Amino acid sequence: MNILDKAYASVEPGNSTAKLFNMDERYFYKPFYTVEPDRPAGLNAEQALEELKK
């Protein structure tokens, strides 16, 4: 969990981390955690992109 905490610290919500080699070389998406009228919450990347285009 510390690895993800450190990786998420430098990532804005709605973006992915850099490749984490010690986590099986995966990227992790940091979702939006707040519900704001201009930001979708709990959507996958494609849905969030569509919402931002509106």
PDB file of N, CA and C in Angstrom:
ATOM      1  N   MET A   1       0.823  -1.200   0.000  1.00  0.00           N
ATOM      2  CA  MET A   1       0.000   0.000   0.000  1.00  0.00           C
ATOM      3  C   MET A   1       0.859   1.253   0.000  1.00  0.00           C
ATOM      4  N   ASN A   2       2.000   1.212   0.630  1.00  0.00           N
ATOM      5  CA  ASN A   2       2.881   2.379   0.628  1.00  0.00           C
ATOM      6  C   ASN A   2       3.357   2.713  -0.779  1.00  0.00           C
ATOM      7  N   ILE A   3       3.572   1.706  -1.593  1.00  0.00           N
ATOM      8  CA  ILE A   3       3.999   1.932  -2.972  1.00  0.00           C
ATOM      9  C   ILE A   3       2.931   2.720  -3.724  1.00  0.00           C
ATOM     10  N   LEU A   4       1.668   2.322  -3.569  1.00  0.00           N
ATOM     11  CA  LEU A   4       0.575   3.027  -4.252  1.00  0.00           C
ATOM     12  C   LEU A   4       0.372   4.422  -3.680  1.00  0.00           C
ATOM     13  N   ASP A   5       0.483   4.567  -2.373  1.00  0.00           N
ATOM     14  CA  ASP A   5       0.355   5.896  -1.764  1.00  0.00           C
ATOM     15  C   ASP A   5       1.388   6.855  -2.338  1.00  0.00           C
ATOM     16  N   LYS A   6       2.623   6.406  -2.457  1.00  0.00           N
ATOM     17  CA  LYS A   6       3.680   7.255  -3.008  1.00  0.00           C
ATOM     18  C   LYS A   6       3.430   7.552  -4.484  1.00  0.00           C
ATOM     19  N   ALA A   7       2.976   6.562  -5.236  1.00  0.00           N
ATOM     20  CA  ALA A   7       2.713   6.760  -6.661  1.00  0.00           C
ATOM     21  C   ALA A   7       1.545   7.723  -6.874  1.00  0.00           C
ATOM     22  N   TYR A   8       0.490   7.584  -6.080  1.00  0.00           N
ATOM     23  CA  TYR A   8      -0.676   8.458  -6.213  1.00  0.00           C
ATOM     24  C   TYR A   8      -0.396   9.888  -5.767  1.00  0.00           C
ATOM     25  N   ALA A   9       0.598  10.081  -4.918  1.00  0.00           N
ATOM     26  CA  ALA A   9       0.889  11.421  -4.407  1.00  0.00           C
ATOM     27  C   ALA A   9       1.279  12.383  -5.518  1.00  0.00           C
ATOM     28  N   SER A  10       1.895  11.877  -6.568  1.00  0.00           N
ATOM     29  CA  SER A  10       2.349  12.746  -7.654  1.00  0.00           C
ATOM     30  C   SER A  10       1.426  12.736  -8.868  1.00  0.00           C
ATOM     31  N   VAL A  11       0.236  12.133  -8.736  1.00  0.00           N
ATOM     32  CA  VAL A  11      -0.691  11.999  -9.859  1.00  0.00           C
ATOM     33  C   VAL A  11      -1.979  12.759  -9.560  1.00  0.00           C
ATOM     34  N   GLU A  12      -2.438  13.523 -10.532  1.00  0.00           N
ATOM     35  CA  GLU A  12      -3.718  14.220 -10.404  1.00  0.00           C
ATOM     36  C   GLU A  12      -4.864  13.239 -10.625  1.00  0.00           C
ATOM     37  N   PRO A  13      -6.009  13.444  -9.965  1.00  0.00           N
ATOM     38  CA  PRO A  13      -7.163  12.575 -10.207  1.00  0.00           C
ATOM     39  C   PRO A  13      -7.550  12.574 -11.682  1.00  0.00           C
ATOM     40  N   GLY A  14      -7.885  11.395 -12.168  1.00  0.00           N
ATOM     41  CA  GLY A  14      -8.249  11.241 -13.572  1.00  0.00           C
ATOM     42  C   GLY A  14      -7.084  10.806 -14.439  1.00  0.00           C
ATOM     43  N   ASN A  15      -5.914  10.639 -13.850  1.00  0.00           N
ATOM     44  CA  ASN A  15      -4.724  10.212 -14.587  1.00  0.00           C
ATOM     45  C   ASN A  15      -4.199   8.903 -14.025  1.00  0.00           C
ATOM     46  N   SER A  16      -3.240   8.326 -14.728  1.00  0.00           N
ATOM     47  CA  SER A  16      -2.629   7.077 -14.295  1.00  0.00           C
ATOM     48  C   SER A  16      -1.226   7.323 -13.784  1.00  0.00           C
ATOM     49  N   THR A  17      -0.758   6.407 -12.948  1.00  0.00           N
ATOM     50  CA  THR A  17       0.602   6.475 -12.441  1.00  0.00           C
ATOM     51  C   THR A  17       1.575   6.072 -13.544  1.00  0.00           C
ATOM     52  N   ALA A  18       2.834   6.283 -13.289  1.00  0.00           N
ATOM     53  CA  ALA A  18       3.862   5.722 -14.161  1.00  0.00           C
ATOM     54  C   ALA A  18       3.874   4.216 -13.925  1.00  0.00           C
ATOM     55  N   LYS A  19       4.546   3.487 -14.782  1.00  0.00           N
ATOM     56  CA  LYS A  19       4.631   2.034 -14.624  1.00  0.00           C
ATOM     57  C   LYS A  19       5.363   1.726 -13.316  1.00  0.00           C
ATOM     58  N   LEU A  20       4.742   0.904 -12.483  1.00  0.00           N
ATOM     59  CA  LEU A  20       5.341   0.524 -11.206  1.00  0.00           C
ATOM     60  C   LEU A  20       5.962  -0.859 -11.351  1.00  0.00           C
ATOM     61  N   PHE A  21       7.267  -0.906 -11.442  1.00  0.00           N
ATOM     62  CA  PHE A  21       7.959  -2.164 -11.685  1.00  0.00           C
ATOM     63  C   PHE A  21       7.771  -3.158 -10.540  1.00  0.00           C
ATOM     64  N   ASN A  22       7.723  -2.663  -9.299  1.00  0.00           N
ATOM     65  CA  ASN A  22       7.560  -3.561  -8.166  1.00  0.00           C
ATOM     66  C   ASN A  22       6.095  -3.948  -7.928  1.00  0.00           C
ATOM     67  N   MET A  23       5.204  -3.514  -8.805  1.00  0.00           N
ATOM     68  CA  MET A  23       3.795  -3.912  -8.748  1.00  0.00           C
ATOM     69  C   MET A  23       3.434  -4.611 -10.058  1.00  0.00           C
ATOM     70  N   ASP A  24       4.293  -5.516 -10.472  1.00  0.00           N
ATOM     71  CA  ASP A  24       4.077  -6.326 -11.672  1.00  0.00           C
ATOM     72  C   ASP A  24       4.024  -5.486 -12.943  1.00  0.00           C
ATOM     73  N   GLU A  25       4.781  -4.386 -12.943  1.00  0.00           N
ATOM     74  CA  GLU A  25       4.889  -3.484 -14.098  1.00  0.00           C
ATOM     75  C   GLU A  25       3.533  -3.001 -14.602  1.00  0.00           C
ATOM     76  N   ARG A  26       2.700  -2.580 -13.686  1.00  0.00           N
ATOM     77  CA  ARG A  26       1.360  -2.100 -14.044  1.00  0.00           C
ATOM     78  C   ARG A  26       1.240  -0.596 -13.838  1.00  0.00           C
ATOM     79  N   TYR A  27       0.238  -0.015 -14.495  1.00  0.00           N
ATOM     80  CA  TYR A  27      -0.160   1.366 -14.288  1.00  0.00           C
ATOM     81  C   TYR A  27      -1.413   1.334 -13.421  1.00  0.00           C
ATOM     82  N   PHE A  28      -1.602   2.338 -12.589  1.00  0.00           N
ATOM     83  CA  PHE A  28      -2.790   2.412 -11.752  1.00  0.00           C
ATOM     84  C   PHE A  28      -3.484   3.749 -11.986  1.00  0.00           C
ATOM     85  N   TYR A  29      -4.793   3.691 -12.168  1.00  0.00           N
ATOM     86  CA  TYR A  29      -5.620   4.870 -12.425  1.00  0.00           C
ATOM     87  C   TYR A  29      -6.039   5.490 -11.093  1.00  0.00           C
ATOM     88  N   LYS A  30      -5.926   6.806 -10.991  1.00  0.00           N
ATOM     89  CA  LYS A  30      -6.372   7.520  -9.795  1.00  0.00           C
ATOM     90  C   LYS A  30      -7.707   8.191 -10.126  1.00  0.00           C
ATOM     91  N   PRO A  31      -8.800   7.638  -9.626  1.00  0.00           N
ATOM     92  CA  PRO A  31     -10.124   8.197  -9.962  1.00  0.00           C
ATOM     93  C   PRO A  31     -10.405   9.481  -9.196  1.00  0.00           C
ATOM     94  N   PHE A  32     -11.457  10.179  -9.615  1.00  0.00           N
ATOM     95  CA  PHE A  32     -11.951  11.337  -8.880  1.00  0.00           C
ATOM     96  C   PHE A  32     -12.698  10.811  -7.660  1.00  0.00           C
ATOM     97  N   TYR A  33     -12.400  11.344  -6.493  1.00  0.00           N
ATOM     98  CA  TYR A  33     -13.060  10.881  -5.280  1.00  0.00           C
ATOM     99  C   TYR A  33     -14.131  11.836  -4.788  1.00  0.00           C
ATOM    100  N   THR A  34     -14.181  13.028  -5.321  1.00  0.00           N
ATOM    101  CA  THR A  34     -15.182  13.988  -4.892  1.00  0.00           C
ATOM    102  C   THR A  34     -16.250  14.120  -5.958  1.00  0.00           C
ATOM    103  N   VAL A  35     -17.438  14.443  -5.545  1.00  0.00           N
ATOM    104  CA  VAL A  35     -18.527  14.655  -6.490  1.00  0.00           C
ATOM    105  C   VAL A  35     -18.682  16.156  -6.670  1.00  0.00           C
ATOM    106  N   GLU A  36     -18.291  16.617  -7.829  1.00  0.00           N
ATOM    107  CA  GLU A  36     -18.412  18.022  -8.180  1.00  0.00           C
ATOM    108  C   GLU A  36     -19.181  18.113  -9.488  1.00  0.00           C
ATOM    109  N   PRO A  37     -19.964  19.150  -9.684  1.00  0.00           N
ATOM    110  CA  PRO A  37     -20.765  19.241 -10.907  1.00  0.00           C
ATOM    111  C   PRO A  37     -19.943  19.201 -12.194  1.00  0.00           C
ATOM    112  N   ASP A  38     -18.726  19.731 -12.170  1.00  0.00           N
ATOM    113  CA  ASP A  38     -17.929  19.780 -13.390  1.00  0.00           C
ATOM    114  C   ASP A  38     -16.956  18.613 -13.520  1.00  0.00           C
ATOM    115  N   ARG A  39     -16.944  17.682 -12.543  1.00  0.00           N
ATOM    116  CA  ARG A  39     -16.052  16.522 -12.608  1.00  0.00           C
ATOM    117  C   ARG A  39     -16.847  15.252 -12.344  1.00  0.00           C
ATOM    118  N   PRO A  40     -16.771  14.314 -13.260  1.00  0.00           N
ATOM    119  CA  PRO A  40     -17.459  13.044 -13.030  1.00  0.00           C
ATOM    120  C   PRO A  40     -16.753  12.227 -11.942  1.00  0.00           C
ATOM    121  N   ALA A  41     -17.502  11.455 -11.198  1.00  0.00           N
ATOM    122  CA  ALA A  41     -16.922  10.625 -10.137  1.00  0.00           C
ATOM    123  C   ALA A  41     -17.273   9.168 -10.389  1.00  0.00           C
ATOM    124  N   GLY A  42     -16.334   8.277 -10.146  1.00  0.00           N
ATOM    125  CA  GLY A  42     -16.586   6.853 -10.241  1.00  0.00           C
ATOM    126  C   GLY A  42     -16.767   6.327 -11.649  1.00  0.00           C
ATOM    127  N   LEU A  43     -16.255   7.026 -12.639  1.00  0.00           N
ATOM    128  CA  LEU A  43     -16.386   6.584 -14.013  1.00  0.00           C
ATOM    129  C   LEU A  43     -15.069   6.005 -14.493  1.00  0.00           C
ATOM    130  N   ASN A  44     -15.145   5.151 -15.512  1.00  0.00           N
ATOM    131  CA  ASN A  44     -13.894   4.674 -16.087  1.00  0.00           C
ATOM    132  C   ASN A  44     -13.318   5.779 -16.967  1.00  0.00           C
ATOM    133  N   ALA A  45     -12.125   5.580 -17.480  1.00  0.00           N
ATOM    134  CA  ALA A  45     -11.427   6.626 -18.223  1.00  0.00           C
ATOM    135  C   ALA A  45     -12.207   7.089 -19.448  1.00  0.00           C
ATOM    136  N   GLU A  46     -12.811   6.156 -20.172  1.00  0.00           N
ATOM    137  CA  GLU A  46     -13.561   6.532 -21.372  1.00  0.00           C
ATOM    138  C   GLU A  46     -14.802   7.354 -21.007  1.00  0.00           C
ATOM    139  N   GLN A  47     -15.506   6.948 -19.958  1.00  0.00           N
ATOM    140  CA  GLN A  47     -16.696   7.684 -19.537  1.00  0.00           C
ATOM    141  C   GLN A  47     -16.322   9.069 -19.023  1.00  0.00           C
ATOM    142  N   ALA A  48     -15.236   9.162 -18.276  1.00  0.00           N
ATOM    143  CA  ALA A  48     -14.795  10.456 -17.757  1.00  0.00           C
ATOM    144  C   ALA A  48     -14.429  11.391 -18.900  1.00  0.00           C
ATOM    145  N   LEU A  49     -13.775  10.875 -19.925  1.00  0.00           N
ATOM    146  CA  LEU A  49     -13.418  11.695 -21.070  1.00  0.00           C
ATOM    147  C   LEU A  49     -14.661  12.204 -21.784  1.00  0.00           C
ATOM    148  N   GLU A  50     -15.661  11.364 -21.957  1.00  0.00           N
ATOM    149  CA  GLU A  50     -16.912  11.782 -22.590  1.00  0.00           C
ATOM    150  C   GLU A  50     -17.606  12.853 -21.760  1.00  0.00           C
ATOM    151  N   GLU A  51     -17.594  12.709 -20.432  1.00  0.00           N
ATOM    152  CA  GLU A  51     -18.225  13.706 -19.566  1.00  0.00           C
ATOM    153  C   GLU A  51     -17.504  15.044 -19.651  1.00  0.00           C
ATOM    154  N   LEU A  52     -16.182  15.009 -19.739  1.00  0.00           N
ATOM    155  CA  LEU A  52     -15.420  16.242 -19.830  1.00  0.00           C
ATOM    156  C   LEU A  52     -15.632  16.954 -21.160  1.00  0.00           C
ATOM    157  N   LYS A  53     -15.974  16.225 -22.203  1.00  0.00           N
ATOM    158  CA  LYS A  53     -16.228  16.828 -23.507  1.00  0.00           C
ATOM    159  C   LYS A  53     -17.554  17.582 -23.540  1.00  0.00           C
ATOM    160  N   LYS A  54     -18.480  17.228 -22.637  1.00  0.00           N
ATOM    161  CA  LYS A  54     -19.808  17.859 -22.633  1.00  0.00           C
ATOM    162  C   LYS A  54     -19.757  19.293 -22.165  1.00  0.00           C
TER     163      LYS A  54
END
